[in-house]
Amino acid sequence: MQADYEEARQHAREHDPQRSGHEGEATWIRLLSDWGPSWPVVSRKYIVGPGGDSNEVDLLVLKPDYPRHLMDDPSVLASGVAAAFSVKLTLRPRHLGEALLQKRRLLEVAGASPASVREALCGPFPFGLLAHSSELARNATDFRAAIQDFHERTAYSSTDPLVRSPREELDALLVADRAFFSARRVSLAPAGVPGTAANWQPMSSFNSYHGATADLPGAPLAQFVTWLSQTLLPLGASSLATLEAMFGADASSGRATPWPRSIYPEGMLQQGSMLLNDYGNPLLF
């Protein structure tokens, strides 16, 4: 990853941004193909759905049953997308806002109203931002806190918030040489008197930071591929549990963002059991 980054940066310095962009994407395609859930990985596609089409998306993981003869088309069907990512060599301040706007557009493209609690909180498929390195908080003594602060100022501005519901949040942010963050959502969380279900509200946390061992070489990458497999595969089906144990891929801390109950489609809250698991606890995504 480091060698690929240095080579692509050199081409960017030589005023060949298209080549450097292709090289950066090729690195992620190789990583996801080798370490992901073994589903098709494609780059530079437009996603088409009932709500129209998206701008060009850098990297996509397709569902395993996506028709092979359609994979070379410039557009892919939204219903066949398992995950999508914006890719940057060096993460710069403007990139976070651009990615949040792209997530919003992808939700519009998907078109259909959320059919489940997961879709109401997360959208039809995860979307994240991947970078080899970052100029954000490069000299900060606490990179994690600096990224959290920058994300909150960008996403939840009091004048023009880019995130208006939990499903508009980025699902993942990876800076390969520094840290991995992901979104965690819970269907209901106490927002008043503990134990009073009527006062519970949805909650989410974008900047859940993964693992206290992230300073180990390669740890953020291991945390990212573990998260992706566990997000896409059925519970317990991922073979990367060993990586999780070695590199602390569990989300260990973050900042919670409470949301009003109005983020759920009308009628979903009336089916209260949909918001709780078999043990009567809130659903966690």
Foldseek 3Di string as FASTA:
>chain_A
DVVLLVVLVVVVVVVNNVVSLVSQLVVVLVLCCVQAPNADKDAFAWEAAPLGIAHTFGIFGFDRPQDPVCRPPRYDYLLGTAETEHEDAEADLVVLLVQLLRLVVSQSRNPDDDPALCCLQANPHAYAYEYQAYPQCPVPPDRLVSVQVSNCCQQPPPVDHSDDGNNSDHQWYFHQQAFIWGKKKWLWDADDDPPDRVRTFIKMFGGQTFAPQRNPHRLRVLLVSVVNRCSRDPPPPDPSVVSCVVRRSDRDDGDMDTDGNVSHPPPPVVVVVSQADPVRHGDMD
